[in-house]
C-alpha atoms as a PDB file:
ATOM      1  CA  MET A   1     311.584  53.176 251.195  1.00  0.00           C
ATOM      2  CA  TYR A   2     310.388  49.703 250.197  1.00  0.00           C
ATOM      3  CA  THR A   3     308.182  49.575 247.098  1.00  0.00           C
ATOM      4  CA  ILE A   4     306.431  46.628 245.512  1.00  0.00           C
ATOM      5  CA  TYR A   5     304.066  46.110 242.633  1.00  0.00           C
ATOM      6  CA  VAL A   6     301.285  43.565 242.410  1.00  0.00           C
ATOM      7  CA  VAL A   7     299.735  42.636 239.067  1.00  0.00           C
ATOM      8  CA  PHE A   8     296.333  41.023 239.432  1.00  0.00           C
ATOM      9  CA  LYS A   9     294.583  39.134 236.649  1.00  0.00           C
ATOM     10  CA  CYS A  10     290.873  39.495 237.304  1.00  0.00           C
ATOM     11  CA  LEU A  11     287.894  37.422 236.268  1.00  0.00           C
ATOM     12  CA  ASP A  12     286.109  38.899 233.245  1.00  0.00           C
ATOM     13  CA  GLY A  13     284.340  42.093 234.226  1.00  0.00           C
ATOM     14  CA  LYS A  14     285.385  41.884 237.901  1.00  0.00           C
ATOM     15  CA  ARG A  15     288.316  44.327 238.004  1.00  0.00           C
ATOM     16  CA  GLU A  16     286.386  47.451 238.981  1.00  0.00           C
ATOM     17  CA  ALA A  17     284.086  45.474 241.278  1.00  0.00           C
ATOM     18  CA  PHE A  18     287.107  44.201 243.233  1.00  0.00           C
ATOM     19  CA  VAL A  19     288.502  47.696 243.764  1.00  0.00           C
ATOM     20  CA  GLU A  20     285.070  49.038 244.706  1.00  0.00           C
ATOM     21  CA  ARG A  21     284.581  46.263 247.271  1.00  0.00           C
ATOM     22  CA  VAL A  22     288.002  46.825 248.821  1.00  0.00           C
ATOM     23  CA  LYS A  23     287.171  50.526 249.104  1.00  0.00           C
ATOM     24  CA  ALA A  24     283.570  50.034 250.303  1.00  0.00           C
ATOM     25  CA  GLU A  25     284.646  47.670 253.086  1.00  0.00           C
ATOM     26  CA  GLY A  26     287.179  50.221 254.339  1.00  0.00           C
ATOM     27  CA  ILE A  27     290.187  48.041 253.575  1.00  0.00           C
ATOM     28  CA  VAL A  28     291.981  50.674 251.499  1.00  0.00           C
ATOM     29  CA  ASP A  29     291.513  53.268 254.239  1.00  0.00           C
ATOM     30  CA  ASP A  30     292.727  50.801 256.874  1.00  0.00           C
ATOM     31  CA  ILE A  31     295.838  50.006 254.834  1.00  0.00           C
ATOM     32  CA  ARG A  32     296.656  53.659 254.177  1.00  0.00           C
ATOM     33  CA  ALA A  33     296.344  54.321 257.929  1.00  0.00           C
ATOM     34  CA  GLU A  34     298.863  51.590 258.819  1.00  0.00           C
ATOM     35  CA  ASP A  35     302.150  52.588 260.378  1.00  0.00           C
ATOM     36  CA  GLY A  36     304.754  52.917 257.635  1.00  0.00           C
ATOM     37  CA  CYS A  37     302.379  53.091 254.670  1.00  0.00           C
ATOM     38  CA  ILE A  38     303.495  55.755 252.227  1.00  0.00           C
ATOM     39  CA  ARG A  39     301.460  54.764 249.172  1.00  0.00           C
ATOM     40  CA  TYR A  40     298.800  52.209 248.299  1.00  0.00           C
ATOM     41  CA  ASP A  41     297.204  52.811 244.890  1.00  0.00           C
ATOM     42  CA  TYR A  42     295.417  50.756 242.247  1.00  0.00           C
ATOM     43  CA  TYR A  43     295.797  51.395 238.500  1.00  0.00           C
ATOM     44  CA  TYR A  44     293.741  50.005 235.628  1.00  0.00           C
ATOM     45  CA  SER A  45     295.453  48.706 232.518  1.00  0.00           C
ATOM     46  CA  GLU A  46     294.305  50.498 229.382  1.00  0.00           C
ATOM     47  CA  LYS A  47     295.337  47.512 227.248  1.00  0.00           C
ATOM     48  CA  ASP A  48     293.917  44.621 229.293  1.00  0.00           C
ATOM     49  CA  PRO A  49     290.442  45.091 230.834  1.00  0.00           C
ATOM     50  CA  ASN A  50     291.125  42.275 233.311  1.00  0.00           C
ATOM     51  CA  GLU A  51     294.491  43.516 234.587  1.00  0.00           C
ATOM     52  CA  LEU A  52     294.907  45.554 237.748  1.00  0.00           C
ATOM     53  CA  LEU A  53     298.151  47.023 239.067  1.00  0.00           C
ATOM     54  CA  LEU A  54     298.764  47.848 242.723  1.00  0.00           C
ATOM     55  CA  ILE A  55     301.710  49.989 243.826  1.00  0.00           C
ATOM     56  CA  GLU A  56     302.626  49.830 247.515  1.00  0.00           C
ATOM     57  CA  ALA A  57     305.304  51.972 249.151  1.00  0.00           C
ATOM     58  CA  TRP A  58     306.341  51.416 252.759  1.00  0.00           C
ATOM     59  CA  GLU A  59     308.917  52.931 255.059  1.00  0.00           C
ATOM     60  CA  SER A  60     310.590  49.499 255.191  1.00  0.00           C
ATOM     61  CA  ALA A  61     310.143  45.866 254.206  1.00  0.00           C
ATOM     62  CA  LYS A  62     309.340  45.162 257.855  1.00  0.00           C
ATOM     63  CA  HIS A  63     306.360  47.535 257.707  1.00  0.00           C
ATOM     64  CA  GLN A  64     305.085  45.757 254.605  1.00  0.00           C
ATOM     65  CA  GLN A  65     305.449  42.355 256.273  1.00  0.00           C
ATOM     66  CA  ILE A  66     303.461  43.536 259.295  1.00  0.00           C
ATOM     67  CA  HIS A  67     300.808  44.812 256.874  1.00  0.00           C
ATOM     68  CA  ILE A  68     300.274  41.324 255.436  1.00  0.00           C
ATOM     69  CA  ASP A  69     299.220  39.974 258.839  1.00  0.00           C
ATOM     70  CA  GLN A  70     296.619  42.662 259.612  1.00  0.00           C
ATOM     71  CA  PRO A  71     292.964  41.609 260.128  1.00  0.00           C
ATOM     72  CA  HIS A  72     291.755  43.692 257.176  1.00  0.00           C
ATOM     73  CA  MET A  73     294.169  41.784 254.915  1.00  0.00           C
ATOM     74  CA  ALA A  74     292.777  38.477 256.183  1.00  0.00           C
ATOM     75  CA  HIS A  75     289.316  39.780 255.320  1.00  0.00           C
ATOM     76  CA  LEU A  76     290.463  40.738 251.807  1.00  0.00           C
ATOM     77  CA  ARG A  77     291.841  37.223 251.284  1.00  0.00           C
ATOM     78  CA  GLU A  78     288.412  35.794 252.186  1.00  0.00           C
ATOM     79  CA  PHE A  79     286.818  37.265 249.040  1.00  0.00           C
ATOM     80  CA  LYS A  80     289.810  37.777 246.721  1.00  0.00           C
ATOM     81  CA  ALA A  81     289.176  34.556 244.756  1.00  0.00           C
ATOM     82  CA  ASP A  82     285.725  35.862 243.786  1.00  0.00           C
ATOM     83  CA  TYR A  83     287.502  38.495 241.652  1.00  0.00           C
ATOM     84  CA  ILE A  84     291.154  37.544 241.093  1.00  0.00           C
ATOM     85  CA  THR A  85     292.580  34.583 239.135  1.00  0.00           C
ATOM     86  CA  SER A  86     296.310  35.246 239.590  1.00  0.00           C
ATOM     87  CA  THR A  87     298.741  37.520 241.386  1.00  0.00           C
ATOM     88  CA  GLU A  88     302.301  38.478 240.404  1.00  0.00           C
ATOM     89  CA  LEU A  89     304.532  40.334 242.879  1.00  0.00           C
ATOM     90  CA  GLY A  90     307.720  42.267 242.340  1.00  0.00           C
ATOM     91  CA  GLU A  91     309.941  44.882 243.928  1.00  0.00           C
ATOM     92  CA  PHE A  92     311.370  48.053 242.473  1.00  0.00           C
ATOM     93  CA  GLU A  93     313.024  51.237 243.616  1.00  0.00           C
ATOM     94  CA  ILE A  94     311.506  54.680 243.172  1.00  0.00           C
ATOM     95  CA  LYS A  95     313.953  57.534 243.424  1.00  0.00           C
END
């Protein structure tokens, strides 16, 4: 299994709106339906109201790389800057 985390810093007051838009436009459902997707979940920071954590788990790194090039991900990138100021990526292993 290949697992990554993504920490988003959101514009003031835009964290929940970003997640709601991604859900409303069907992007989350499309991602979860992708071949190799095991987990795709957002988490809100209790400490920082502008921080959003995404955990992605895939059958392999190759599946995750294919995911990045999907049309729904291109659509997400079209509006991401309206909500997100920075993105930090990392990998970790869940046993």
